[in-house]
Amino acid sequence: MPLDEYEATLDELVAQTLSRVKGLVLFTPYYIESNPADRMRARMDEYGAAVKRIAARRQTLLVDTQAAFNQLLLTHHSAYLAWDRVHPTPVGHMLLARTFLDAIVYKWDGEA
């Protein structure tokens, strides 16, 4: 789907949904690749920027999944997180879950 169509469609869906739910959370798309110049990674970053614009405009919570993967990619090979850079391994899924829980300010055991 072209970027402009993606952004307009997502924005419309968010606008229609906001009055029906409490606490809408948007996630950026990701591509588990450490090189931001990689064509697919660069394209996902463009779509992620669209999600960020919508989250800001509609005042929704945002989970920046690409930023979370980028941090772990500083010390780990992409195959550790997803053998094909798209479908996460258990470690990649755990990172996504932890990033979401941190974004909603989940109180971990023992935290005040």
PDB file of N, CA and C in Angstrom:
ATOM      1  N   MET A   1       0.843  -1.163   0.000  1.00  0.00           N
ATOM      2  CA  MET A   1       0.000   0.000   0.000  1.00  0.00           C
ATOM      3  C   MET A   1       0.895   1.235   0.000  1.00  0.00           C
ATOM      4  N   PRO A   2       0.594   2.205  -0.840  1.00  0.00           N
ATOM      5  CA  PRO A   2       1.392   3.437  -0.857  1.00  0.00           C
ATOM      6  C   PRO A   2       1.338   4.147   0.499  1.00  0.00           C
ATOM      7  N   LEU A   3       2.417   4.822   0.848  1.00  0.00           N
ATOM      8  CA  LEU A   3       2.543   5.461   2.157  1.00  0.00           C
ATOM      9  C   LEU A   3       1.406   6.433   2.439  1.00  0.00           C
ATOM     10  N   ASP A   4       1.060   7.272   1.489  1.00  0.00           N
ATOM     11  CA  ASP A   4      -0.001   8.252   1.734  1.00  0.00           C
ATOM     12  C   ASP A   4      -1.351   7.577   1.993  1.00  0.00           C
ATOM     13  N   GLU A   5      -1.623   6.507   1.281  1.00  0.00           N
ATOM     14  CA  GLU A   5      -2.864   5.766   1.495  1.00  0.00           C
ATOM     15  C   GLU A   5      -2.857   5.075   2.864  1.00  0.00           C
ATOM     16  N   TYR A   6      -1.710   4.512   3.224  1.00  0.00           N
ATOM     17  CA  TYR A   6      -1.556   3.873   4.535  1.00  0.00           C
ATOM     18  C   TYR A   6      -1.837   4.876   5.650  1.00  0.00           C
ATOM     19  N   GLU A   7      -1.209   6.043   5.551  1.00  0.00           N
ATOM     20  CA  GLU A   7      -1.361   7.041   6.610  1.00  0.00           C
ATOM     21  C   GLU A   7      -2.803   7.535   6.692  1.00  0.00           C
ATOM     22  N   ALA A   8      -3.419   7.810   5.553  1.00  0.00           N
ATOM     23  CA  ALA A   8      -4.805   8.293   5.562  1.00  0.00           C
ATOM     24  C   ALA A   8      -5.754   7.224   6.114  1.00  0.00           C
ATOM     25  N   THR A   9      -5.551   5.988   5.713  1.00  0.00           N
ATOM     26  CA  THR A   9      -6.414   4.901   6.180  1.00  0.00           C
ATOM     27  C   THR A   9      -6.256   4.670   7.674  1.00  0.00           C
ATOM     28  N   LEU A  10      -5.011   4.618   8.141  1.00  0.00           N
ATOM     29  CA  LEU A  10      -4.774   4.420   9.573  1.00  0.00           C
ATOM     30  C   LEU A  10      -5.335   5.585  10.377  1.00  0.00           C
ATOM     31  N   ASP A  11      -5.145   6.797   9.903  1.00  0.00           N
ATOM     32  CA  ASP A  11      -5.657   7.970  10.602  1.00  0.00           C
ATOM     33  C   ASP A  11      -7.185   7.910  10.706  1.00  0.00           C
ATOM     34  N   GLU A  12      -7.838   7.512   9.640  1.00  0.00           N
ATOM     35  CA  GLU A  12      -9.299   7.388   9.649  1.00  0.00           C
ATOM     36  C   GLU A  12      -9.754   6.297  10.628  1.00  0.00           C
ATOM     37  N   LEU A  13      -9.060   5.163  10.621  1.00  0.00           N
ATOM     38  CA  LEU A  13      -9.400   4.085  11.553  1.00  0.00           C
ATOM     39  C   LEU A  13      -9.234   4.525  13.005  1.00  0.00           C
ATOM     40  N   VAL A  14      -8.154   5.224  13.275  1.00  0.00           N
ATOM     41  CA  VAL A  14      -7.911   5.706  14.638  1.00  0.00           C
ATOM     42  C   VAL A  14      -8.995   6.705  15.033  1.00  0.00           C
ATOM     43  N   ALA A  15      -9.323   7.619  14.145  1.00  0.00           N
ATOM     44  CA  ALA A  15     -10.354   8.620  14.435  1.00  0.00           C
ATOM     45  C   ALA A  15     -11.690   7.956  14.747  1.00  0.00           C
ATOM     46  N   GLN A  16     -12.041   6.925  14.006  1.00  0.00           N
ATOM     47  CA  GLN A  16     -13.307   6.229  14.221  1.00  0.00           C
ATOM     48  C   GLN A  16     -13.306   5.383  15.497  1.00  0.00           C
ATOM     49  N   THR A  17     -12.137   4.959  15.911  1.00  0.00           N
ATOM     50  CA  THR A  17     -12.025   4.041  17.042  1.00  0.00           C
ATOM     51  C   THR A  17     -11.885   4.755  18.379  1.00  0.00           C
ATOM     52  N   LEU A  18     -11.299   5.931  18.392  1.00  0.00           N
ATOM     53  CA  LEU A  18     -10.975   6.615  19.653  1.00  0.00           C
ATOM     54  C   LEU A  18     -12.165   6.774  20.594  1.00  0.00           C
ATOM     55  N   SER A  19     -13.321   7.072  20.072  1.00  0.00           N
ATOM     56  CA  SER A  19     -14.479   7.285  20.942  1.00  0.00           C
ATOM     57  C   SER A  19     -15.059   5.975  21.471  1.00  0.00           C
ATOM     58  N   ARG A  20     -14.613   4.863  20.954  1.00  0.00           N
ATOM     59  CA  ARG A  20     -15.165   3.556  21.322  1.00  0.00           C
ATOM     60  C   ARG A  20     -14.283   2.740  22.261  1.00  0.00           C
ATOM     61  N   VAL A  21     -13.063   3.193  22.464  1.00  0.00           N
ATOM     62  CA  VAL A  21     -12.142   2.432  23.312  1.00  0.00           C
ATOM     63  C   VAL A  21     -11.467   3.358  24.315  1.00  0.00           C
ATOM     64  N   LYS A  22     -10.927   2.751  25.328  1.00  0.00           N
ATOM     65  CA  LYS A  22     -10.147   3.503  26.303  1.00  0.00           C
ATOM     66  C   LYS A  22      -8.698   3.041  26.182  1.00  0.00           C
ATOM     67  N   GLY A  23      -7.805   3.968  25.899  1.00  0.00           N
ATOM     68  CA  GLY A  23      -6.394   3.634  25.862  1.00  0.00           C
ATOM     69  C   GLY A  23      -5.917   2.988  24.573  1.00  0.00           C
ATOM     70  N   LEU A  24      -6.213   3.585  23.446  1.00  0.00           N
ATOM     71  CA  LEU A  24      -5.733   3.067  22.167  1.00  0.00           C
ATOM     72  C   LEU A  24      -4.205   3.182  22.102  1.00  0.00           C
ATOM     73  N   VAL A  25      -3.556   2.126  21.654  1.00  0.00           N
ATOM     74  CA  VAL A  25      -2.099   2.088  21.554  1.00  0.00           C
ATOM     75  C   VAL A  25      -1.728   1.782  20.110  1.00  0.00           C
ATOM     76  N   LEU A  26      -0.863   2.602  19.534  1.00  0.00           N
ATOM     77  CA  LEU A  26      -0.359   2.357  18.180  1.00  0.00           C
ATOM     78  C   LEU A  26       1.073   1.848  18.257  1.00  0.00           C
ATOM     79  N   PHE A  27       1.387   0.892  17.410  1.00  0.00           N
ATOM     80  CA  PHE A  27       2.729   0.320  17.324  1.00  0.00           C
ATOM     81  C   PHE A  27       3.339   0.697  15.975  1.00  0.00           C
ATOM     82  N   THR A  28       4.591   1.100  15.980  1.00  0.00           N
ATOM     83  CA  THR A  28       5.265   1.316  14.711  1.00  0.00           C
ATOM     84  C   THR A  28       5.570  -0.037  14.072  1.00  0.00           C
ATOM     85  N   PRO A  29       5.586  -0.089  12.737  1.00  0.00           N
ATOM     86  CA  PRO A  29       6.067  -1.307  12.096  1.00  0.00           C
ATOM     87  C   PRO A  29       7.580  -1.390  12.289  1.00  0.00           C
ATOM     88  N   TYR A  30       8.136  -2.564  12.090  1.00  0.00           N
ATOM     89  CA  TYR A  30       9.578  -2.736  12.284  1.00  0.00           C
ATOM     90  C   TYR A  30      10.143  -3.643  11.205  1.00  0.00           C
ATOM     91  N   TYR A  31      11.432  -3.543  11.038  1.00  0.00           N
ATOM     92  CA  TYR A  31      12.202  -4.467  10.210  1.00  0.00           C
ATOM     93  C   TYR A  31      13.494  -4.688  10.971  1.00  0.00           C
ATOM     94  N   ILE A  32      13.754  -5.899  11.353  1.00  0.00           N
ATOM     95  CA  ILE A  32      14.854  -6.193  12.262  1.00  0.00           C
ATOM     96  C   ILE A  32      16.170  -6.237  11.481  1.00  0.00           C
ATOM     97  N   GLU A  33      16.668  -5.041  11.239  1.00  0.00           N
ATOM     98  CA  GLU A  33      17.884  -4.819  10.452  1.00  0.00           C
ATOM     99  C   GLU A  33      18.598  -3.622  11.071  1.00  0.00           C
ATOM    100  N   SER A  34      19.876  -3.791  11.381  1.00  0.00           N
ATOM    101  CA  SER A  34      20.620  -2.715  12.040  1.00  0.00           C
ATOM    102  C   SER A  34      21.029  -1.591  11.097  1.00  0.00           C
ATOM    103  N   ASN A  35      21.062  -1.841   9.802  1.00  0.00           N
ATOM    104  CA  ASN A  35      21.487  -0.835   8.834  1.00  0.00           C
ATOM    105  C   ASN A  35      20.286  -0.010   8.369  1.00  0.00           C
ATOM    106  N   PRO A  36      20.172   1.246   8.807  1.00  0.00           N
ATOM    107  CA  PRO A  36      19.021   2.060   8.403  1.00  0.00           C
ATOM    108  C   PRO A  36      18.990   2.381   6.908  1.00  0.00           C
ATOM    109  N   ALA A  37      20.108   2.153   6.202  1.00  0.00           N
ATOM    110  CA  ALA A  37      20.148   2.388   4.759  1.00  0.00           C
ATOM    111  C   ALA A  37      19.604   1.200   3.961  1.00  0.00           C
ATOM    112  N   ASP A  38      19.401   0.061   4.617  1.00  0.00           N
ATOM    113  CA  ASP A  38      18.792  -1.085   3.956  1.00  0.00           C
ATOM    114  C   ASP A  38      17.442  -0.638   3.392  1.00  0.00           C
ATOM    115  N   ARG A  39      17.130  -1.003   2.146  1.00  0.00           N
ATOM    116  CA  ARG A  39      15.918  -0.502   1.482  1.00  0.00           C
ATOM    117  C   ARG A  39      14.636  -0.830   2.251  1.00  0.00           C
ATOM    118  N   MET A  40      14.502  -2.060   2.712  1.00  0.00           N
ATOM    119  CA  MET A  40      13.292  -2.437   3.433  1.00  0.00           C
ATOM    120  C   MET A  40      13.228  -1.735   4.786  1.00  0.00           C
ATOM    121  N   ARG A  41      14.346  -1.662   5.461  1.00  0.00           N
ATOM    122  CA  ARG A  41      14.392  -0.959   6.751  1.00  0.00           C
ATOM    123  C   ARG A  41      14.027   0.507   6.566  1.00  0.00           C
ATOM    124  N   ALA A  42      14.576   1.153   5.542  1.00  0.00           N
ATOM    125  CA  ALA A  42      14.274   2.562   5.282  1.00  0.00           C
ATOM    126  C   ALA A  42      12.782   2.750   4.992  1.00  0.00           C
ATOM    127  N   ARG A  43      12.212   1.815   4.255  1.00  0.00           N
ATOM    128  CA  ARG A  43      10.784   1.910   3.936  1.00  0.00           C
ATOM    129  C   ARG A  43       9.944   1.760   5.209  1.00  0.00           C
ATOM    130  N   MET A  44      10.294   0.810   6.059  1.00  0.00           N
ATOM    131  CA  MET A  44       9.553   0.637   7.310  1.00  0.00           C
ATOM    132  C   MET A  44       9.700   1.869   8.203  1.00  0.00           C
ATOM    133  N   ASP A  45      10.852   2.517   8.166  1.00  0.00           N
ATOM    134  CA  ASP A  45      11.037   3.741   8.945  1.00  0.00           C
ATOM    135  C   ASP A  45      10.085   4.839   8.457  1.00  0.00           C
ATOM    136  N   GLU A  46       9.829   4.896   7.141  1.00  0.00           N
ATOM    137  CA  GLU A  46       8.876   5.869   6.596  1.00  0.00           C
ATOM    138  C   GLU A  46       7.466   5.583   7.120  1.00  0.00           C
ATOM    139  N   TYR A  47       7.088   4.316   7.123  1.00  0.00           N
ATOM    140  CA  TYR A  47       5.767   3.946   7.638  1.00  0.00           C
ATOM    141  C   TYR A  47       5.696   4.169   9.147  1.00  0.00           C
ATOM    142  N   GLY A  48       6.788   3.920   9.835  1.00  0.00           N
ATOM    143  CA  GLY A  48       6.837   4.182  11.268  1.00  0.00           C
ATOM    144  C   GLY A  48       6.665   5.664  11.565  1.00  0.00           C
ATOM    145  N   ALA A  49       7.248   6.521  10.738  1.00  0.00           N
ATOM    146  CA  ALA A  49       7.086   7.967  10.921  1.00  0.00           C
ATOM    147  C   ALA A  49       5.622   8.367  10.751  1.00  0.00           C
ATOM    148  N   ALA A  50       4.922   7.711   9.832  1.00  0.00           N
ATOM    149  CA  ALA A  50       3.492   7.986   9.646  1.00  0.00           C
ATOM    150  C   ALA A  50       2.706   7.617  10.902  1.00  0.00           C
ATOM    151  N   VAL A  51       3.028   6.469  11.490  1.00  0.00           N
ATOM    152  CA  VAL A  51       2.349   6.044  12.718  1.00  0.00           C
ATOM    153  C   VAL A  51       2.631   7.049  13.839  1.00  0.00           C
ATOM    154  N   LYS A  52       3.855   7.517  13.920  1.00  0.00           N
ATOM    155  CA  LYS A  52       4.211   8.506  14.948  1.00  0.00           C
ATOM    156  C   LYS A  52       3.432   9.803  14.755  1.00  0.00           C
ATOM    157  N   ARG A  53       3.272  10.249  13.505  1.00  0.00           N
ATOM    158  CA  ARG A  53       2.504  11.474  13.240  1.00  0.00           C
ATOM    159  C   ARG A  53       1.043  11.303  13.679  1.00  0.00           C
ATOM    160  N   ILE A  54       0.479  10.148  13.368  1.00  0.00           N
ATOM    161  CA  ILE A  54      -0.917   9.891  13.742  1.00  0.00           C
ATOM    162  C   ILE A  54      -1.062   9.825  15.254  1.00  0.00           C
ATOM    163  N   ALA A  55      -0.149   9.145  15.916  1.00  0.00           N
ATOM    164  CA  ALA A  55      -0.203   9.047  17.381  1.00  0.00           C
ATOM    165  C   ALA A  55      -0.133  10.439  18.005  1.00  0.00           C
ATOM    166  N   ALA A  56       0.712  11.296  17.481  1.00  0.00           N
ATOM    167  CA  ALA A  56       0.824  12.657  18.013  1.00  0.00           C
ATOM    168  C   ALA A  56      -0.446  13.458  17.722  1.00  0.00           C
ATOM    169  N   ARG A  57      -0.932  13.357  16.501  1.00  0.00           N
ATOM    170  CA  ARG A  57      -2.127  14.114  16.100  1.00  0.00           C
ATOM    171  C   ARG A  57      -3.367  13.665  16.883  1.00  0.00           C
ATOM    172  N   ARG A  58      -3.496  12.369  17.085  1.00  0.00           N
ATOM    173  CA  ARG A  58      -4.686  11.819  17.754  1.00  0.00           C
ATOM    174  C   ARG A  58      -4.483  11.611  19.259  1.00  0.00           C
ATOM    175  N   GLN A  59      -3.293  11.961  19.737  1.00  0.00           N
ATOM    176  CA  GLN A  59      -2.950  11.857  21.157  1.00  0.00           C
ATOM    177  C   GLN A  59      -3.179  10.446  21.705  1.00  0.00           C
ATOM    178  N   THR A  60      -2.600   9.483  21.008  1.00  0.00           N
ATOM    179  CA  THR A  60      -2.660   8.101  21.461  1.00  0.00           C
ATOM    180  C   THR A  60      -1.288   7.672  21.954  1.00  0.00           C
ATOM    181  N   LEU A  61      -1.272   6.632  22.705  1.00  0.00           N
ATOM    182  CA  LEU A  61      -0.014   6.062  23.180  1.00  0.00           C
ATOM    183  C   LEU A  61       0.701   5.414  21.998  1.00  0.00           C
ATOM    184  N   LEU A  62       2.005   5.551  21.961  1.00  0.00           N
ATOM    185  CA  LEU A  62       2.817   4.999  20.873  1.00  0.00           C
ATOM    186  C   LEU A  62       3.840   4.026  21.429  1.00  0.00           C
ATOM    187  N   VAL A  63       3.964   2.876  20.783  1.00  0.00           N
ATOM    188  CA  VAL A  63       5.020   1.924  21.097  1.00  0.00           C
ATOM    189  C   VAL A  63       5.943   1.900  19.880  1.00  0.00           C
ATOM    190  N   ASP A  64       7.155   2.390  20.066  1.00  0.00           N
ATOM    191  CA  ASP A  64       8.119   2.444  18.964  1.00  0.00           C
ATOM    192  C   ASP A  64       8.910   1.135  18.942  1.00  0.00           C
ATOM    193  N   THR A  65       8.368   0.158  18.228  1.00  0.00           N
ATOM    194  CA  THR A  65       8.995  -1.162  18.185  1.00  0.00           C
ATOM    195  C   THR A  65      10.348  -1.123  17.482  1.00  0.00           C
ATOM    196  N   GLN A  66      10.468  -0.288  16.451  1.00  0.00           N
ATOM    197  CA  GLN A  66      11.747  -0.214  15.742  1.00  0.00           C
ATOM    198  C   GLN A  66      12.842   0.295  16.668  1.00  0.00           C
ATOM    199  N   ALA A  67      12.530   1.297  17.477  1.00  0.00           N
ATOM    200  CA  ALA A  67      13.526   1.821  18.426  1.00  0.00           C
ATOM    201  C   ALA A  67      13.961   0.745  19.406  1.00  0.00           C
ATOM    202  N   ALA A  68      13.014  -0.075  19.847  1.00  0.00           N
ATOM    203  CA  ALA A  68      13.356  -1.155  20.782  1.00  0.00           C
ATOM    204  C   ALA A  68      14.285  -2.165  20.117  1.00  0.00           C
ATOM    205  N   PHE A  69      13.959  -2.568  18.886  1.00  0.00           N
ATOM    206  CA  PHE A  69      14.842  -3.498  18.173  1.00  0.00           C
ATOM    207  C   PHE A  69      16.195  -2.857  17.900  1.00  0.00           C
ATOM    208  N   ASN A  70      16.206  -1.577  17.538  1.00  0.00           N
ATOM    209  CA  ASN A  70      17.474  -0.890  17.255  1.00  0.00           C
ATOM    210  C   ASN A  70      18.412  -0.965  18.450  1.00  0.00           C
ATOM    211  N   GLN A  71      17.865  -0.795  19.642  1.00  0.00           N
ATOM    212  CA  GLN A  71      18.694  -0.842  20.854  1.00  0.00           C
ATOM    213  C   GLN A  71      19.336  -2.215  21.027  1.00  0.00           C
ATOM    214  N   LEU A  72      18.556  -3.265  20.831  1.00  0.00           N
ATOM    215  CA  LEU A  72      19.098  -4.618  21.001  1.00  0.00           C
ATOM    216  C   LEU A  72      20.034  -4.993  19.851  1.00  0.00           C
ATOM    217  N   LEU A  73      19.801  -4.421  18.672  1.00  0.00           N
ATOM    218  CA  LEU A  73      20.672  -4.697  17.526  1.00  0.00           C
ATOM    219  C   LEU A  73      22.071  -4.105  17.691  1.00  0.00           C
ATOM    220  N   LEU A  74      22.243  -3.229  18.675  1.00  0.00           N
ATOM    221  CA  LEU A  74      23.584  -2.695  18.949  1.00  0.00           C
ATOM    222  C   LEU A  74      24.519  -3.786  19.456  1.00  0.00           C
ATOM    223  N   THR A  75      23.940  -4.811  20.083  1.00  0.00           N
ATOM    224  CA  THR A  75      24.771  -5.855  20.686  1.00  0.00           C
ATOM    225  C   THR A  75      24.439  -7.270  20.210  1.00  0.00           C
ATOM    226  N   HIS A  76      23.387  -7.409  19.392  1.00  0.00           N
ATOM    227  CA  HIS A  76      22.977  -8.741  18.941  1.00  0.00           C
ATOM    228  C   HIS A  76      22.741  -8.754  17.432  1.00  0.00           C
ATOM    229  N   HIS A  77      23.038  -9.868  16.811  1.00  0.00           N
ATOM    230  CA  HIS A  77      22.785 -10.048  15.387  1.00  0.00           C
ATOM    231  C   HIS A  77      21.287 -10.158  15.148  1.00  0.00           C
ATOM    232  N   SER A  78      20.825  -9.700  13.983  1.00  0.00           N
ATOM    233  CA  SER A  78      19.389  -9.725  13.681  1.00  0.00           C
ATOM    234  C   SER A  78      18.805 -11.136  13.724  1.00  0.00           C
ATOM    235  N   ALA A  79      19.590 -12.152  13.377  1.00  0.00           N
ATOM    236  CA  ALA A  79      19.083 -13.530  13.392  1.00  0.00           C
ATOM    237  C   ALA A  79      18.720 -13.993  14.804  1.00  0.00           C
ATOM    238  N   TYR A  80      19.300 -13.372  15.815  1.00  0.00           N
ATOM    239  CA  TYR A  80      18.960 -13.682  17.205  1.00  0.00           C
ATOM    240  C   TYR A  80      17.526 -13.247  17.515  1.00  0.00           C
ATOM    241  N   LEU A  81      17.065 -12.206  16.810  1.00  0.00           N
ATOM    242  CA  LEU A  81      15.748 -11.630  17.055  1.00  0.00           C
ATOM    243  C   LEU A  81      14.695 -12.083  16.054  1.00  0.00           C
ATOM    244  N   ALA A  82      15.135 -12.446  14.851  1.00  0.00           N
ATOM    245  CA  ALA A  82      14.220 -12.926  13.808  1.00  0.00           C
ATOM    246  C   ALA A  82      15.068 -13.510  12.684  1.00  0.00           C
ATOM    247  N   TRP A  83      14.878 -14.756  12.380  1.00  0.00           N
ATOM    248  CA  TRP A  83      15.724 -15.403  11.365  1.00  0.00           C
ATOM    249  C   TRP A  83      15.561 -14.759  10.001  1.00  0.00           C
ATOM    250  N   ASP A  84      14.391 -14.174   9.716  1.00  0.00           N
ATOM    251  CA  ASP A  84      14.137 -13.559   8.415  1.00  0.00           C
ATOM    252  C   ASP A  84      13.977 -12.044   8.497  1.00  0.00           C
ATOM    253  N   ARG A  85      14.275 -11.462   9.644  1.00  0.00           N
ATOM    254  CA  ARG A  85      14.172 -10.033   9.934  1.00  0.00           C
ATOM    255  C   ARG A  85      12.734  -9.524  10.023  1.00  0.00           C
ATOM    256  N   VAL A  86      11.760 -10.444  10.001  1.00  0.00           N
ATOM    257  CA  VAL A  86      10.347 -10.065  10.073  1.00  0.00           C
ATOM    258  C   VAL A  86       9.620 -10.777  11.203  1.00  0.00           C
ATOM    259  N   HIS A  87       9.770 -12.083  11.274  1.00  0.00           N
ATOM    260  CA  HIS A  87       9.029 -12.896  12.244  1.00  0.00           C
ATOM    261  C   HIS A  87       9.907 -13.138  13.469  1.00  0.00           C
ATOM    262  N   PRO A  88       9.570 -12.516  14.590  1.00  0.00           N
ATOM    263  CA  PRO A  88      10.441 -12.576  15.766  1.00  0.00           C
ATOM    264  C   PRO A  88      10.604 -13.978  16.344  1.00  0.00           C
ATOM    265  N   THR A  89      11.777 -14.204  16.879  1.00  0.00           N
ATOM    266  CA  THR A  89      12.058 -15.389  17.687  1.00  0.00           C
ATOM    267  C   THR A  89      11.399 -15.162  19.049  1.00  0.00           C
ATOM    268  N   PRO A  90      11.447 -16.155  19.939  1.00  0.00           N
ATOM    269  CA  PRO A  90      10.930 -15.902  21.293  1.00  0.00           C
ATOM    270  C   PRO A  90      11.575 -14.672  21.954  1.00  0.00           C
ATOM    271  N   VAL A  91      12.847 -14.445  21.712  1.00  0.00           N
ATOM    272  CA  VAL A  91      13.515 -13.259  22.277  1.00  0.00           C
ATOM    273  C   VAL A  91      12.912 -11.986  21.681  1.00  0.00           C
ATOM    274  N   GLY A  92      12.675 -11.989  20.379  1.00  0.00           N
ATOM    275  CA  GLY A  92      12.053 -10.837  19.727  1.00  0.00           C
ATOM    276  C   GLY A  92      10.646 -10.582  20.248  1.00  0.00           C
ATOM    277  N   HIS A  93       9.889 -11.652  20.446  1.00  0.00           N
ATOM    278  CA  HIS A  93       8.536 -11.502  21.007  1.00  0.00           C
ATOM    279  C   HIS A  93       8.594 -10.957  22.423  1.00  0.00           C
ATOM    280  N   MET A  94       9.541 -11.417  23.200  1.00  0.00           N
ATOM    281  CA  MET A  94       9.687 -10.915  24.564  1.00  0.00           C
ATOM    282  C   MET A  94      10.027  -9.422  24.556  1.00  0.00           C
ATOM    283  N   LEU A  95      10.871  -9.009  23.628  1.00  0.00           N
ATOM    284  CA  LEU A  95      11.210  -7.591  23.514  1.00  0.00           C
ATOM    285  C   LEU A  95       9.962  -6.775  23.182  1.00  0.00           C
ATOM    286  N   LEU A  96       9.144  -7.257  22.245  1.00  0.00           N
ATOM    287  CA  LEU A  96       7.908  -6.547  21.894  1.00  0.00           C
ATOM    288  C   LEU A  96       6.972  -6.449  23.101  1.00  0.00           C
ATOM    289  N   ALA A  97       6.822  -7.557  23.817  1.00  0.00           N
ATOM    290  CA  ALA A  97       5.946  -7.559  24.988  1.00  0.00           C
ATOM    291  C   ALA A  97       6.455  -6.586  26.055  1.00  0.00           C
ATOM    292  N   ARG A  98       7.737  -6.643  26.322  1.00  0.00           N
ATOM    293  CA  ARG A  98       8.319  -5.766  27.350  1.00  0.00           C
ATOM    294  C   ARG A  98       8.192  -4.298  26.953  1.00  0.00           C
ATOM    295  N   THR A  99       8.387  -3.998  25.675  1.00  0.00           N
ATOM    296  CA  THR A  99       8.277  -2.626  25.188  1.00  0.00           C
ATOM    297  C   THR A  99       6.846  -2.109  25.357  1.00  0.00           C
ATOM    298  N   PHE A 100       5.871  -2.972  25.048  1.00  0.00           N
ATOM    299  CA  PHE A 100       4.468  -2.593  25.245  1.00  0.00           C
ATOM    300  C   PHE A 100       4.172  -2.368  26.727  1.00  0.00           C
ATOM    301  N   LEU A 101       4.572  -3.304  27.558  1.00  0.00           N
ATOM    302  CA  LEU A 101       4.287  -3.183  28.991  1.00  0.00           C
ATOM    303  C   LEU A 101       4.960  -1.954  29.597  1.00  0.00           C
ATOM    304  N   ASP A 102       6.164  -1.636  29.137  1.00  0.00           N
ATOM    305  CA  ASP A 102       6.831  -0.420  29.612  1.00  0.00           C
ATOM    306  C   ASP A 102       6.058   0.827  29.161  1.00  0.00           C
ATOM    307  N   ALA A 103       5.542   0.805  27.935  1.00  0.00           N
ATOM    308  CA  ALA A 103       4.812   1.958  27.402  1.00  0.00           C
ATOM    309  C   ALA A 103       3.521   2.224  28.169  1.00  0.00           C
ATOM    310  N   ILE A 104       2.873   1.171  28.645  1.00  0.00           N
ATOM    311  CA  ILE A 104       1.633   1.363  29.408  1.00  0.00           C
ATOM    312  C   ILE A 104       1.911   1.506  30.903  1.00  0.00           C
ATOM    313  N   VAL A 105       3.194   1.606  31.249  1.00  0.00           N
ATOM    314  CA  VAL A 105       3.665   1.801  32.611  1.00  0.00           C
ATOM    315  C   VAL A 105       3.161   0.669  33.517  1.00  0.00           C
ATOM    316  N   TYR A 106       3.370  -0.541  33.039  1.00  0.00           N
ATOM    317  CA  TYR A 106       3.031  -1.725  33.815  1.00  0.00           C
ATOM    318  C   TYR A 106       3.941  -1.808  35.028  1.00  0.00           C
ATOM    319  N   LYS A 107       3.377  -2.093  36.165  1.00  0.00           N
ATOM    320  CA  LYS A 107       4.156  -2.220  37.399  1.00  0.00           C
ATOM    321  C   LYS A 107       4.672  -3.647  37.521  1.00  0.00           C
ATOM    322  N   TRP A 108       5.982  -3.813  37.319  1.00  0.00           N
ATOM    323  CA  TRP A 108       6.610  -5.127  37.432  1.00  0.00           C
ATOM    324  C   TRP A 108       6.677  -5.529  38.904  1.00  0.00           C
ATOM    325  N   ASP A 109       6.698  -6.807  39.195  1.00  0.00           N
ATOM    326  CA  ASP A 109       6.774  -7.309  40.576  1.00  0.00           C
ATOM    327  C   ASP A 109       7.912  -6.614  41.322  1.00  0.00           C
ATOM    328  N   GLY A 110       7.582  -6.173  42.493  1.00  0.00           N
ATOM    329  CA  GLY A 110       8.593  -5.552  43.342  1.00  0.00           C
ATOM    330  C   GLY A 110       8.786  -4.056  43.084  1.00  0.00           C
ATOM    331  N   GLU A 111       8.145  -3.517  42.055  1.00  0.00           N
ATOM    332  CA  GLU A 111       8.279  -2.085  41.778  1.00  0.00           C
ATOM    333  C   GLU A 111       7.148  -1.329  42.446  1.00  0.00           C
ATOM    334  N   ALA A 112       7.464  -0.186  42.971  1.00  0.00           N
ATOM    335  CA  ALA A 112       6.433   0.633  43.646  1.00  0.00           C
ATOM    336  C   ALA A 112       5.727   1.531  42.664  1.00  0.00           C
TER     337      ALA A 112
END
